[in-house]
Amino acid sequence: MKDEKIKVGLVFGGMSPEHEISIVSAKSVYENLDKNKYDIFSYYIDKNGFWEEVESPLNYEKRLTEPAPFLAFKNVKPFLEIVDIFFPILHGPYGEDGTIQGIFESLKIPFVGAGVAGSAVSMDKVLTKKILEADGIPVVDYLIIWKSNKMLDEPEKIKESVLEGLKLPVFVKPSNSGSSIGITKVKKIDDIMEAIMKAFKYSDKILIEEGIENAREIEISVFSDKKGIKVSVPGEVIPYNEFYDYDDKYKVGKTKFKIPVELDEKLVERIKKTAYDTFRILSLYGMSRVDFLLDKDGNYYVNEVNSIPGFTSISMYPRLWEESGIKYNELLDLLIQSGLQRYE
């Protein structure tokens, strides 16, 4: 029946360090979904990877089922018959990296957002850089270090490699982490090893990226469905801290935003085209946020790509679309319709 509500399964929580951020995003999505259009089922994944149906992201402590692995959850088949489409709101590893997407794809379940390939590649900062670089998309200079690298026993060699290949300051980042977790800005080479070991707590390989003096942080939201790819107006993040770190994003609350950003019109069009190309090259679908660094000479670089961007009340992804003429609740409608088109 045409008037029947679409049954949406919100999936949130997860095993990543961004567990709490996922819950905040899920609350925001839940509050903005039109209850006249959707029956909402809420599935919380705890930090051990167990699923449970809960009342809602607003009251996820109230269980409707006992925790269980997904494949045992409600014996799978009746569970799958309940939901028309899943909306994963999982940030970081075990959710944004193709893991959940692989379960959905193997069972041919419609879901919102990128598939396995796009999720996995965009979550891995090293793979993202290598693929974009090969396609001519500008990225900052960088080095890669693996946890198994014997050079870790010889810190002086690592310091030499950094100084030979990059200019200070540098940013040390886990390859598979989001929300700026595990990132350190290093101004003195003697501090590099401490930053490296911090990053290795979150990933077995890390990036050391050359910092750009007085860089501006520009972000663009991207949406796609079977009709094509659309990009939002660009916005600028003006961090309160030295860079847009975890505290600045979620705790301090003093970051400023310029939406839309004040830039030369031709430069804006080039950045938007690069965001479009980045989305396409990385095999993304549904949604993504592409983050850029812009130097004082007008040169820009793709910094990071988020296949499940934040959906909190202050998150850039919905805010950029709102400035582009699409309200939060309308954006959710578009994303759900995009996901329902996945297997058409």
C-alpha atoms as a PDB file:
ATOM      1  CA  MET A   1       0.000   0.000   0.000  1.00  0.00           C
ATOM      2  CA  LYS A   2       1.219   3.451  -0.913  1.00  0.00           C
ATOM      3  CA  ASP A   3       0.235   4.954   2.445  1.00  0.00           C
ATOM      4  CA  GLU A   4       2.173   2.357   4.427  1.00  0.00           C
ATOM      5  CA  LYS A   5       5.017   3.745   6.476  1.00  0.00           C
ATOM      6  CA  ILE A   6       8.603   2.884   5.562  1.00  0.00           C
ATOM      7  CA  LYS A   7      10.202   0.796   8.281  1.00  0.00           C
ATOM      8  CA  VAL A   8      13.641   2.258   9.070  1.00  0.00           C
ATOM      9  CA  GLY A   9      16.206   0.517  11.250  1.00  0.00           C
ATOM     10  CA  LEU A  10      18.595   2.971  12.896  1.00  0.00           C
ATOM     11  CA  VAL A  11      21.894   1.287  13.774  1.00  0.00           C
ATOM     12  CA  PHE A  12      24.163   3.126  16.196  1.00  0.00           C
ATOM     13  CA  GLY A  13      26.772   2.731  18.931  1.00  0.00           C
ATOM     14  CA  GLY A  14      29.388   0.250  17.762  1.00  0.00           C
ATOM     15  CA  MET A  15      32.847  -0.907  18.776  1.00  0.00           C
ATOM     16  CA  SER A  16      34.828   2.138  17.661  1.00  0.00           C
ATOM     17  CA  PRO A  17      36.263   4.919  19.833  1.00  0.00           C
ATOM     18  CA  GLU A  18      33.513   7.084  18.325  1.00  0.00           C
ATOM     19  CA  HIS A  19      30.766   5.068  20.066  1.00  0.00           C
ATOM     20  CA  GLU A  20      29.433   8.030  22.048  1.00  0.00           C
ATOM     21  CA  ILE A  21      29.467  10.343  19.024  1.00  0.00           C
ATOM     22  CA  SER A  22      27.409   7.790  17.109  1.00  0.00           C
ATOM     23  CA  ILE A  23      24.771   7.876  19.840  1.00  0.00           C
ATOM     24  CA  VAL A  24      24.558  11.679  19.660  1.00  0.00           C
ATOM     25  CA  SER A  25      24.214  11.546  15.851  1.00  0.00           C
ATOM     26  CA  ALA A  26      21.536   8.842  16.112  1.00  0.00           C
ATOM     27  CA  LYS A  27      19.521  10.916  18.582  1.00  0.00           C
ATOM     28  CA  SER A  28      19.529  13.812  16.141  1.00  0.00           C
ATOM     29  CA  VAL A  29      18.483  11.627  13.189  1.00  0.00           C
ATOM     30  CA  TYR A  30      15.716  10.011  15.258  1.00  0.00           C
ATOM     31  CA  GLU A  31      14.338  13.382  16.331  1.00  0.00           C
ATOM     32  CA  ASN A  32      14.278  14.687  12.752  1.00  0.00           C
ATOM     33  CA  LEU A  33      12.752  11.665  11.018  1.00  0.00           C
ATOM     34  CA  ASP A  34       9.107  12.280  10.139  1.00  0.00           C
ATOM     35  CA  LYS A  35       7.116   9.854  12.320  1.00  0.00           C
ATOM     36  CA  ASN A  36       4.183  10.170   9.886  1.00  0.00           C
ATOM     37  CA  LYS A  37       6.349   8.663   7.136  1.00  0.00           C
ATOM     38  CA  TYR A  38       8.472   6.165   9.058  1.00  0.00           C
ATOM     39  CA  ASP A  39       8.161   3.442  11.624  1.00  0.00           C
ATOM     40  CA  ILE A  40      11.513   3.584  13.398  1.00  0.00           C
ATOM     41  CA  PHE A  41      13.285   0.595  14.887  1.00  0.00           C
ATOM     42  CA  SER A  42      16.392   1.301  16.921  1.00  0.00           C
ATOM     43  CA  TYR A  43      19.312  -1.131  17.082  1.00  0.00           C
ATOM     44  CA  TYR A  44      22.091  -0.373  19.511  1.00  0.00           C
ATOM     45  CA  ILE A  45      25.481  -2.098  19.127  1.00  0.00           C
ATOM     46  CA  ASP A  46      27.406  -2.209  22.369  1.00  0.00           C
ATOM     47  CA  LYS A  47      31.179  -1.842  22.649  1.00  0.00           C
ATOM     48  CA  ASN A  48      31.594  -5.627  22.396  1.00  0.00           C
ATOM     49  CA  GLY A  49      29.724  -5.785  19.087  1.00  0.00           C
ATOM     50  CA  PHE A  50      26.461  -7.216  20.437  1.00  0.00           C
ATOM     51  CA  TRP A  51      23.184  -5.998  18.952  1.00  0.00           C
ATOM     52  CA  GLU A  52      19.999  -5.279  20.848  1.00  0.00           C
ATOM     53  CA  GLU A  53      16.749  -3.624  19.900  1.00  0.00           C
ATOM     54  CA  VAL A  54      16.120  -0.628  22.139  1.00  0.00           C
ATOM     55  CA  GLU A  55      13.298   1.830  22.601  1.00  0.00           C
ATOM     56  CA  SER A  56      15.115   4.608  20.716  1.00  0.00           C
ATOM     57  CA  PRO A  57      18.483   6.414  20.632  1.00  0.00           C
ATOM     58  CA  LEU A  58      16.920   8.764  23.191  1.00  0.00           C
ATOM     59  CA  ASN A  59      16.448   5.845  25.573  1.00  0.00           C
ATOM     60  CA  TYR A  60      18.896   3.205  24.402  1.00  0.00           C
ATOM     61  CA  GLU A  61      19.297   1.852  27.920  1.00  0.00           C
ATOM     62  CA  LYS A  62      15.768   0.399  27.650  1.00  0.00           C
ATOM     63  CA  ARG A  63      16.246  -2.983  25.966  1.00  0.00           C
ATOM     64  CA  LEU A  64      13.536  -4.659  23.932  1.00  0.00           C
ATOM     65  CA  THR A  65      15.719  -7.704  23.253  1.00  0.00           C
ATOM     66  CA  GLU A  66      18.715  -9.318  24.883  1.00  0.00           C
ATOM     67  CA  PRO A  67      22.166  -8.582  23.384  1.00  0.00           C
ATOM     68  CA  ALA A  68      23.247 -11.041  20.695  1.00  0.00           C
ATOM     69  CA  PRO A  69      25.574 -11.245  17.675  1.00  0.00           C
ATOM     70  CA  PHE A  70      23.875  -9.983  14.526  1.00  0.00           C
ATOM     71  CA  LEU A  71      23.677 -13.400  12.848  1.00  0.00           C
ATOM     72  CA  ALA A  72      21.859 -14.810  15.885  1.00  0.00           C
ATOM     73  CA  PHE A  73      19.791 -11.696  16.438  1.00  0.00           C
ATOM     74  CA  LYS A  74      16.087 -12.658  16.237  1.00  0.00           C
ATOM     75  CA  ASN A  75      17.213 -15.598  14.081  1.00  0.00           C
ATOM     76  CA  VAL A  76      17.995 -13.073  11.333  1.00  0.00           C
ATOM     77  CA  LYS A  77      15.098 -13.874   8.986  1.00  0.00           C
ATOM     78  CA  PRO A  78      12.202 -12.483  11.037  1.00  0.00           C
ATOM     79  CA  PHE A  79      14.486  -9.607  12.020  1.00  0.00           C
ATOM     80  CA  LEU A  80      15.117  -8.764   8.370  1.00  0.00           C
ATOM     81  CA  GLU A  81      11.427  -8.985   7.539  1.00  0.00           C
ATOM     82  CA  ILE A  82      10.690  -6.174   9.995  1.00  0.00           C
ATOM     83  CA  VAL A  83      12.873  -3.492   8.401  1.00  0.00           C
ATOM     84  CA  ASP A  84      12.617  -2.028   4.871  1.00  0.00           C
ATOM     85  CA  ILE A  85      15.925  -0.184   5.074  1.00  0.00           C
ATOM     86  CA  PHE A  86      18.754   0.228   7.560  1.00  0.00           C
ATOM     87  CA  PHE A  87      20.261   3.604   8.371  1.00  0.00           C
ATOM     88  CA  PRO A  88      23.724   2.980   9.865  1.00  0.00           C
ATOM     89  CA  ILE A  89      24.871   5.916  11.965  1.00  0.00           C
ATOM     90  CA  LEU A  90      28.171   4.364  12.977  1.00  0.00           C
ATOM     91  CA  HIS A  91      31.344   6.430  12.989  1.00  0.00           C
ATOM     92  CA  GLY A  92      34.803   4.906  12.769  1.00  0.00           C
ATOM     93  CA  PRO A  93      35.962   1.257  12.584  1.00  0.00           C
ATOM     94  CA  TYR A  94      33.421  -1.609  12.592  1.00  0.00           C
ATOM     95  CA  GLY A  95      30.730   0.576  11.087  1.00  0.00           C
ATOM     96  CA  GLU A  96      32.033   3.230   8.731  1.00  0.00           C
ATOM     97  CA  ASP A  97      34.685   0.939   7.243  1.00  0.00           C
ATOM     98  CA  GLY A  98      32.557  -1.487   5.214  1.00  0.00           C
ATOM     99  CA  THR A  99      32.038  -4.003   8.017  1.00  0.00           C
ATOM    100  CA  ILE A 100      28.303  -3.448   8.545  1.00  0.00           C
ATOM    101  CA  GLN A 101      27.834  -2.629   4.867  1.00  0.00           C
ATOM    102  CA  GLY A 102      29.190  -6.080   3.978  1.00  0.00           C
ATOM    103  CA  ILE A 103      26.535  -7.761   6.139  1.00  0.00           C
ATOM    104  CA  PHE A 104      23.775  -5.730   4.503  1.00  0.00           C
ATOM    105  CA  GLU A 105      25.087  -6.251   0.971  1.00  0.00           C
ATOM    106  CA  SER A 106      25.517 -10.017   1.393  1.00  0.00           C
ATOM    107  CA  LEU A 107      21.870 -10.263   2.491  1.00  0.00           C
ATOM    108  CA  LYS A 108      20.628  -7.797  -0.160  1.00  0.00           C
ATOM    109  CA  ILE A 109      19.184  -5.485   2.475  1.00  0.00           C
ATOM    110  CA  PRO A 110      18.707  -1.842   1.427  1.00  0.00           C
ATOM    111  CA  PHE A 111      20.731   0.594   3.523  1.00  0.00           C
ATOM    112  CA  VAL A 112      21.715   4.256   3.533  1.00  0.00           C
ATOM    113  CA  GLY A 113      25.183   5.299   2.430  1.00  0.00           C
ATOM    114  CA  ALA A 114      28.246   3.890   0.726  1.00  0.00           C
ATOM    115  CA  GLY A 115      28.811   0.209  -0.002  1.00  0.00           C
ATOM    116  CA  VAL A 116      31.687  -2.002   1.078  1.00  0.00           C
ATOM    117  CA  ALA A 117      34.339  -0.657  -1.307  1.00  0.00           C
ATOM    118  CA  GLY A 118      33.630   3.044  -0.841  1.00  0.00           C
ATOM    119  CA  SER A 119      33.308   2.698   2.928  1.00  0.00           C
ATOM    120  CA  ALA A 120      36.513   0.701   3.332  1.00  0.00           C
ATOM    121  CA  VAL A 121      38.628   2.933   1.117  1.00  0.00           C
ATOM    122  CA  SER A 122      37.444   6.262   2.501  1.00  0.00           C
ATOM    123  CA  MET A 123      37.857   5.067   6.109  1.00  0.00           C
ATOM    124  CA  ASP A 124      41.491   4.182   5.438  1.00  0.00           C
ATOM    125  CA  LYS A 125      43.386   7.456   5.142  1.00  0.00           C
ATOM    126  CA  VAL A 126      46.401   5.784   3.503  1.00  0.00           C
ATOM    127  CA  LEU A 127      44.281   4.113   0.791  1.00  0.00           C
ATOM    128  CA  THR A 128      42.320   7.327   0.272  1.00  0.00           C
ATOM    129  CA  LYS A 129      45.477   9.335  -0.331  1.00  0.00           C
ATOM    130  CA  LYS A 130      47.052   6.778  -2.634  1.00  0.00           C
ATOM    131  CA  ILE A 131      43.936   6.398  -4.791  1.00  0.00           C
ATOM    132  CA  LEU A 132      43.244  10.131  -5.005  1.00  0.00           C
ATOM    133  CA  GLU A 133      46.901  10.892  -5.707  1.00  0.00           C
ATOM    134  CA  ALA A 134      46.917   8.347  -8.551  1.00  0.00           C
ATOM    135  CA  ASP A 135      43.906  10.103 -10.077  1.00  0.00           C
ATOM    136  CA  GLY A 136      45.481  13.551  -9.892  1.00  0.00           C
ATOM    137  CA  ILE A 137      43.495  14.826  -6.901  1.00  0.00           C
ATOM    138  CA  PRO A 138      45.721  17.135  -4.810  1.00  0.00           C
ATOM    139  CA  VAL A 139      46.744  15.821  -1.364  1.00  0.00           C
ATOM    140  CA  VAL A 140      49.382  17.104   1.055  1.00  0.00           C
ATOM    141  CA  ASP A 141      52.814  15.442   1.207  1.00  0.00           C
ATOM    142  CA  TYR A 142      52.907  12.494   3.577  1.00  0.00           C
ATOM    143  CA  LEU A 143      54.790   9.488   4.931  1.00  0.00           C
ATOM    144  CA  ILE A 144      53.398   6.114   6.029  1.00  0.00           C
ATOM    145  CA  ILE A 145      54.634   4.081   8.983  1.00  0.00           C
ATOM    146  CA  TRP A 146      53.460   0.549   9.841  1.00  0.00           C
ATOM    147  CA  LYS A 147      53.442  -0.837  13.361  1.00  0.00           C
ATOM    148  CA  SER A 148      55.594  -3.738  12.173  1.00  0.00           C
ATOM    149  CA  ASN A 149      58.221  -1.350  10.775  1.00  0.00           C
ATOM    150  CA  LYS A 150      61.649  -2.122  12.243  1.00  0.00           C
ATOM    151  CA  MET A 151      62.406   1.588  12.156  1.00  0.00           C
ATOM    152  CA  LEU A 152      60.269   1.948  15.291  1.00  0.00           C
ATOM    153  CA  ASP A 153      63.242   0.516  17.180  1.00  0.00           C
ATOM    154  CA  GLU A 154      65.394   3.264  15.702  1.00  0.00           C
ATOM    155  CA  PRO A 155      63.633   6.547  16.423  1.00  0.00           C
ATOM    156  CA  GLU A 156      66.495   8.604  15.005  1.00  0.00           C
ATOM    157  CA  LYS A 157      65.882   7.050  11.571  1.00  0.00           C
ATOM    158  CA  ILE A 158      62.226   7.978  11.766  1.00  0.00           C
ATOM    159  CA  LYS A 159      63.145  11.540  12.682  1.00  0.00           C
ATOM    160  CA  GLU A 160      65.547  11.668   9.713  1.00  0.00           C
ATOM    161  CA  SER A 161      62.874  10.352   7.328  1.00  0.00           C
ATOM    162  CA  VAL A 162      60.365  12.950   8.511  1.00  0.00           C
ATOM    163  CA  LEU A 163      62.824  15.832   8.192  1.00  0.00           C
ATOM    164  CA  GLU A 164      63.993  14.641   4.757  1.00  0.00           C
ATOM    165  CA  GLY A 165      60.501  14.263   3.319  1.00  0.00           C
ATOM    166  CA  LEU A 166      58.380  16.846   5.103  1.00  0.00           C
ATOM    167  CA  LYS A 167      58.454  20.294   6.665  1.00  0.00           C
ATOM    168  CA  LEU A 168      57.495  20.869  10.265  1.00  0.00           C
ATOM    169  CA  PRO A 169      54.936  21.118  11.698  1.00  0.00           C
ATOM    170  CA  VAL A 170      53.437  17.749  10.781  1.00  0.00           C
ATOM    171  CA  PHE A 171      50.243  15.950  11.748  1.00  0.00           C
ATOM    172  CA  VAL A 172      50.465  12.359  12.937  1.00  0.00           C
ATOM    173  CA  LYS A 173      47.230  10.442  12.332  1.00  0.00           C
ATOM    174  CA  PRO A 174      45.930   6.888  12.749  1.00  0.00           C
ATOM    175  CA  SER A 175      44.980   5.584   9.307  1.00  0.00           C
ATOM    176  CA  ASN A 176      41.647   4.143  10.463  1.00  0.00           C
ATOM    177  CA  SER A 177      40.081   6.580  12.866  1.00  0.00           C
ATOM    178  CA  GLY A 178      37.749   9.549  12.713  1.00  0.00           C
ATOM    179  CA  SER A 179      36.676  12.597  14.734  1.00  0.00           C
ATOM    180  CA  SER A 180      40.365  13.574  15.058  1.00  0.00           C
ATOM    181  CA  ILE A 181      40.876  10.789  17.611  1.00  0.00           C
ATOM    182  CA  GLY A 182      44.580   9.965  18.031  1.00  0.00           C
ATOM    183  CA  ILE A 183      45.805  12.942  15.994  1.00  0.00           C
ATOM    184  CA  THR A 184      48.713  15.082  17.175  1.00  0.00           C
ATOM    185  CA  LYS A 185      50.209  18.234  15.709  1.00  0.00           C
ATOM    186  CA  VAL A 186      53.991  17.973  16.045  1.00  0.00           C
ATOM    187  CA  LYS A 187      56.077  21.151  15.935  1.00  0.00           C
ATOM    188  CA  LYS A 188      59.352  19.738  17.279  1.00  0.00           C
ATOM    189  CA  ILE A 189      60.926  16.619  15.808  1.00  0.00           C
ATOM    190  CA  ASP A 190      61.783  15.343  19.287  1.00  0.00           C
ATOM    191  CA  ASP A 191      58.053  14.981  19.958  1.00  0.00           C
ATOM    192  CA  ILE A 192      57.413  12.768  16.930  1.00  0.00           C
ATOM    193  CA  MET A 193      57.779   9.357  18.620  1.00  0.00           C
ATOM    194  CA  GLU A 194      55.280  10.163  21.345  1.00  0.00           C
ATOM    195  CA  ALA A 195      52.765  11.206  18.676  1.00  0.00           C
ATOM    196  CA  ILE A 196      53.449   8.051  16.648  1.00  0.00           C
ATOM    197  CA  MET A 197      52.886   5.751  19.614  1.00  0.00           C
ATOM    198  CA  LYS A 198      49.663   7.590  20.457  1.00  0.00           C
ATOM    199  CA  ALA A 199      48.376   7.071  16.900  1.00  0.00           C
ATOM    200  CA  PHE A 200      49.303   3.373  16.998  1.00  0.00           C
ATOM    201  CA  LYS A 201      46.775   2.894  19.798  1.00  0.00           C
ATOM    202  CA  TYR A 202      44.067   3.293  17.156  1.00  0.00           C
ATOM    203  CA  SER A 203      45.574   1.843  13.977  1.00  0.00           C
ATOM    204  CA  ASP A 204      48.357  -0.477  12.789  1.00  0.00           C
ATOM    205  CA  LYS A 205      49.473   2.075  10.203  1.00  0.00           C
ATOM    206  CA  ILE A 206      49.713   5.811  10.497  1.00  0.00           C
ATOM    207  CA  LEU A 207      50.104   8.870   8.336  1.00  0.00           C
ATOM    208  CA  ILE A 208      52.537  11.691   8.946  1.00  0.00           C
ATOM    209  CA  GLU A 209      51.306  14.652   6.936  1.00  0.00           C
ATOM    210  CA  GLU A 210      52.995  17.930   6.237  1.00  0.00           C
ATOM    211  CA  GLY A 211      51.188  20.820   7.861  1.00  0.00           C
ATOM    212  CA  ILE A 212      50.143  23.806   5.784  1.00  0.00           C
ATOM    213  CA  GLU A 213      50.873  27.192   7.309  1.00  0.00           C
ATOM    214  CA  ASN A 214      47.688  29.107   8.198  1.00  0.00           C
ATOM    215  CA  ALA A 215      45.570  26.550   6.353  1.00  0.00           C
ATOM    216  CA  ARG A 216      41.834  27.157   6.124  1.00  0.00           C
ATOM    217  CA  GLU A 217      39.586  24.129   6.601  1.00  0.00           C
ATOM    218  CA  ILE A 218      36.902  23.916   3.924  1.00  0.00           C
ATOM    219  CA  GLU A 219      34.200  21.246   3.888  1.00  0.00           C
ATOM    220  CA  ILE A 220      31.667  20.154   1.268  1.00  0.00           C
ATOM    221  CA  SER A 221      28.737  17.763   1.627  1.00  0.00           C
ATOM    222  CA  VAL A 222      27.983  15.322  -1.177  1.00  0.00           C
ATOM    223  CA  PHE A 223      24.790  13.371  -1.885  1.00  0.00           C
ATOM    224  CA  SER A 224      23.998  10.813  -4.554  1.00  0.00           C
ATOM    225  CA  ASP A 225      21.174   8.621  -5.749  1.00  0.00           C
ATOM    226  CA  LYS A 226      20.528   6.786  -8.996  1.00  0.00           C
ATOM    227  CA  LYS A 227      20.022  10.140 -10.760  1.00  0.00           C
ATOM    228  CA  GLY A 228      23.556  11.360 -10.018  1.00  0.00           C
ATOM    229  CA  ILE A 229      25.828  13.240  -7.622  1.00  0.00           C
ATOM    230  CA  LYS A 230      25.114  16.625  -6.021  1.00  0.00           C
ATOM    231  CA  VAL A 231      27.438  18.826  -3.971  1.00  0.00           C
ATOM    232  CA  SER A 232      26.568  21.478  -1.403  1.00  0.00           C
ATOM    233  CA  VAL A 233      27.915  24.958  -0.953  1.00  0.00           C
ATOM    234  CA  PRO A 234      31.306  24.914   0.829  1.00  0.00           C
ATOM    235  CA  GLY A 235      31.649  25.917   4.454  1.00  0.00           C
ATOM    236  CA  GLU A 236      34.651  26.885   6.542  1.00  0.00           C
ATOM    237  CA  VAL A 237      35.572  25.544   9.963  1.00  0.00           C
ATOM    238  CA  ILE A 238      37.419  28.030  12.173  1.00  0.00           C
ATOM    239  CA  PRO A 239      38.795  26.002  15.107  1.00  0.00           C
ATOM    240  CA  TYR A 240      38.978  27.407  18.606  1.00  0.00           C
ATOM    241  CA  ASN A 241      41.918  25.123  19.394  1.00  0.00           C
ATOM    242  CA  GLU A 242      45.085  24.980  17.300  1.00  0.00           C
ATOM    243  CA  PHE A 243      43.391  22.550  14.943  1.00  0.00           C
ATOM    244  CA  TYR A 244      39.924  21.003  14.717  1.00  0.00           C
ATOM    245  CA  ASP A 245      40.576  18.243  17.249  1.00  0.00           C
ATOM    246  CA  TYR A 246      38.191  15.993  19.193  1.00  0.00           C
ATOM    247  CA  ASP A 247      37.671  18.470  22.053  1.00  0.00           C
ATOM    248  CA  ASP A 248      37.021  21.292  19.617  1.00  0.00           C
ATOM    249  CA  LYS A 249      34.451  19.193  17.743  1.00  0.00           C
ATOM    250  CA  TYR A 250      32.509  17.786  20.653  1.00  0.00           C
ATOM    251  CA  LYS A 251      33.435  19.326  24.007  1.00  0.00           C
ATOM    252  CA  VAL A 252      34.614  22.926  23.883  1.00  0.00           C
ATOM    253  CA  GLY A 253      31.878  24.147  21.548  1.00  0.00           C
ATOM    254  CA  LYS A 254      33.701  27.330  20.572  1.00  0.00           C
ATOM    255  CA  THR A 255      34.483  26.449  16.973  1.00  0.00           C
ATOM    256  CA  LYS A 256      33.116  28.979  14.481  1.00  0.00           C
ATOM    257  CA  PHE A 257      31.689  28.246  11.047  1.00  0.00           C
ATOM    258  CA  LYS A 258      31.265  30.290   7.900  1.00  0.00           C
ATOM    259  CA  ILE A 259      28.511  28.875   5.725  1.00  0.00           C
ATOM    260  CA  PRO A 260      28.772  29.546   2.880  1.00  0.00           C
ATOM    261  CA  VAL A 261      32.452  30.377   2.876  1.00  0.00           C
ATOM    262  CA  GLU A 262      33.715  33.617   1.365  1.00  0.00           C
ATOM    263  CA  LEU A 263      35.927  32.565  -1.548  1.00  0.00           C
ATOM    264  CA  ASP A 264      36.504  33.532  -5.153  1.00  0.00           C
ATOM    265  CA  GLU A 265      33.676  32.111  -7.250  1.00  0.00           C
ATOM    266  CA  LYS A 266      36.021  30.273  -9.635  1.00  0.00           C
ATOM    267  CA  LEU A 267      37.897  28.715  -6.708  1.00  0.00           C
ATOM    268  CA  VAL A 268      34.594  27.568  -5.200  1.00  0.00           C
ATOM    269  CA  GLU A 269      33.644  25.870  -8.459  1.00  0.00           C
ATOM    270  CA  ARG A 270      37.021  24.101  -8.644  1.00  0.00           C
ATOM    271  CA  ILE A 271      36.730  22.854  -5.060  1.00  0.00           C
ATOM    272  CA  LYS A 272      33.171  21.653  -5.672  1.00  0.00           C
ATOM    273  CA  LYS A 273      34.291  19.837  -8.820  1.00  0.00           C
ATOM    274  CA  THR A 274      37.108  18.177  -6.846  1.00  0.00           C
ATOM    275  CA  ALA A 275      34.630  17.073  -4.160  1.00  0.00           C
ATOM    276  CA  TYR A 276      32.439  15.585  -6.915  1.00  0.00           C
ATOM    277  CA  ASP A 277      35.422  13.791  -8.476  1.00  0.00           C
ATOM    278  CA  THR A 278      36.635  12.520  -5.096  1.00  0.00           C
ATOM    279  CA  PHE A 279      33.216  11.035  -4.335  1.00  0.00           C
ATOM    280  CA  ARG A 280      33.134   9.305  -7.717  1.00  0.00           C
ATOM    281  CA  ILE A 281      36.735   8.042  -7.635  1.00  0.00           C
ATOM    282  CA  LEU A 282      36.291   6.475  -4.185  1.00  0.00           C
ATOM    283  CA  SER A 283      33.108   4.632  -5.280  1.00  0.00           C
ATOM    284  CA  LEU A 284      30.983   6.390  -2.676  1.00  0.00           C
ATOM    285  CA  TYR A 285      27.197   6.430  -2.656  1.00  0.00           C
ATOM    286  CA  GLY A 286      24.437   8.195  -0.791  1.00  0.00           C
ATOM    287  CA  MET A 287      26.401  10.610   1.345  1.00  0.00           C
ATOM    288  CA  SER A 288      29.846  11.836   2.208  1.00  0.00           C
ATOM    289  CA  ARG A 289      31.649  14.906   3.471  1.00  0.00           C
ATOM    290  CA  VAL A 290      34.859  15.908   1.715  1.00  0.00           C
ATOM    291  CA  ASP A 291      37.267  18.032   3.777  1.00  0.00           C
ATOM    292  CA  PHE A 292      39.856  20.329   2.202  1.00  0.00           C
ATOM    293  CA  LEU A 293      42.843  22.363   3.323  1.00  0.00           C
ATOM    294  CA  LEU A 294      43.314  25.712   1.578  1.00  0.00           C
ATOM    295  CA  ASP A 295      46.604  27.611   1.687  1.00  0.00           C
ATOM    296  CA  LYS A 296      47.173  31.366   1.419  1.00  0.00           C
ATOM    297  CA  ASP A 297      47.955  31.094  -2.313  1.00  0.00           C
ATOM    298  CA  GLY A 298      44.643  29.456  -3.157  1.00  0.00           C
ATOM    299  CA  ASN A 299      46.025  25.935  -3.480  1.00  0.00           C
ATOM    300  CA  TYR A 300      43.719  23.320  -2.006  1.00  0.00           C
ATOM    301  CA  TYR A 301      44.158  19.694  -0.962  1.00  0.00           C
ATOM    302  CA  VAL A 302      41.714  16.924  -0.080  1.00  0.00           C
ATOM    303  CA  ASN A 303      42.383  16.245   3.583  1.00  0.00           C
ATOM    304  CA  GLU A 304      39.874  13.562   4.555  1.00  0.00           C
ATOM    305  CA  VAL A 305      36.668  11.917   3.351  1.00  0.00           C
ATOM    306  CA  ASN A 306      33.855  10.795   5.679  1.00  0.00           C
ATOM    307  CA  SER A 307      31.396   8.245   4.296  1.00  0.00           C
ATOM    308  CA  ILE A 308      29.153   8.512   7.395  1.00  0.00           C
ATOM    309  CA  PRO A 309      29.582  12.134   8.441  1.00  0.00           C
ATOM    310  CA  GLY A 310      28.347  13.450  11.754  1.00  0.00           C
ATOM    311  CA  PHE A 311      24.618  14.136  12.102  1.00  0.00           C
ATOM    312  CA  THR A 312      24.637  16.048  15.376  1.00  0.00           C
ATOM    313  CA  SER A 313      22.893  19.394  15.677  1.00  0.00           C
ATOM    314  CA  ILE A 314      26.189  21.189  14.933  1.00  0.00           C
ATOM    315  CA  SER A 315      27.490  18.796  12.260  1.00  0.00           C
ATOM    316  CA  MET A 316      28.593  20.276   8.977  1.00  0.00           C
ATOM    317  CA  TYR A 317      26.968  17.673   6.707  1.00  0.00           C
ATOM    318  CA  PRO A 318      23.334  18.679   7.381  1.00  0.00           C
ATOM    319  CA  ARG A 319      24.222  22.333   7.943  1.00  0.00           C
ATOM    320  CA  LEU A 320      25.829  22.650   4.513  1.00  0.00           C
ATOM    321  CA  TRP A 321      22.783  21.086   2.857  1.00  0.00           C
ATOM    322  CA  GLU A 322      20.476  23.400   4.780  1.00  0.00           C
ATOM    323  CA  GLU A 323      22.417  26.370   3.383  1.00  0.00           C
ATOM    324  CA  SER A 324      22.061  24.730  -0.046  1.00  0.00           C
ATOM    325  CA  GLY A 325      18.268  24.667   0.307  1.00  0.00           C
ATOM    326  CA  ILE A 326      17.612  21.195   1.770  1.00  0.00           C
ATOM    327  CA  LYS A 327      16.311  21.044   5.340  1.00  0.00           C
ATOM    328  CA  TYR A 328      17.516  18.362   7.762  1.00  0.00           C
ATOM    329  CA  ASN A 329      14.289  16.287   7.620  1.00  0.00           C
ATOM    330  CA  GLU A 330      14.185  16.579   3.811  1.00  0.00           C
ATOM    331  CA  LEU A 331      17.806  15.421   3.631  1.00  0.00           C
ATOM    332  CA  LEU A 332      16.926  12.316   5.661  1.00  0.00           C
ATOM    333  CA  ASP A 333      14.059  11.595   3.234  1.00  0.00           C
ATOM    334  CA  LEU A 334      16.451  11.870   0.270  1.00  0.00           C
ATOM    335  CA  LEU A 335      19.029   9.591   1.907  1.00  0.00           C
ATOM    336  CA  ILE A 336      16.434   6.925   2.654  1.00  0.00           C
ATOM    337  CA  GLN A 337      15.074   7.071  -0.901  1.00  0.00           C
ATOM    338  CA  SER A 338      18.633   6.822  -2.217  1.00  0.00           C
ATOM    339  CA  GLY A 339      19.197   3.705  -0.115  1.00  0.00           C
ATOM    340  CA  LEU A 340      15.931   2.130  -1.296  1.00  0.00           C
ATOM    341  CA  GLN A 341      17.137   2.597  -4.903  1.00  0.00           C
ATOM    342  CA  ARG A 342      20.357   0.668  -4.197  1.00  0.00           C
ATOM    343  CA  TYR A 343      19.360  -2.646  -5.792  1.00  0.00           C
ATOM    344  CA  GLU A 344      17.089  -1.259  -8.542  1.00  0.00           C
END
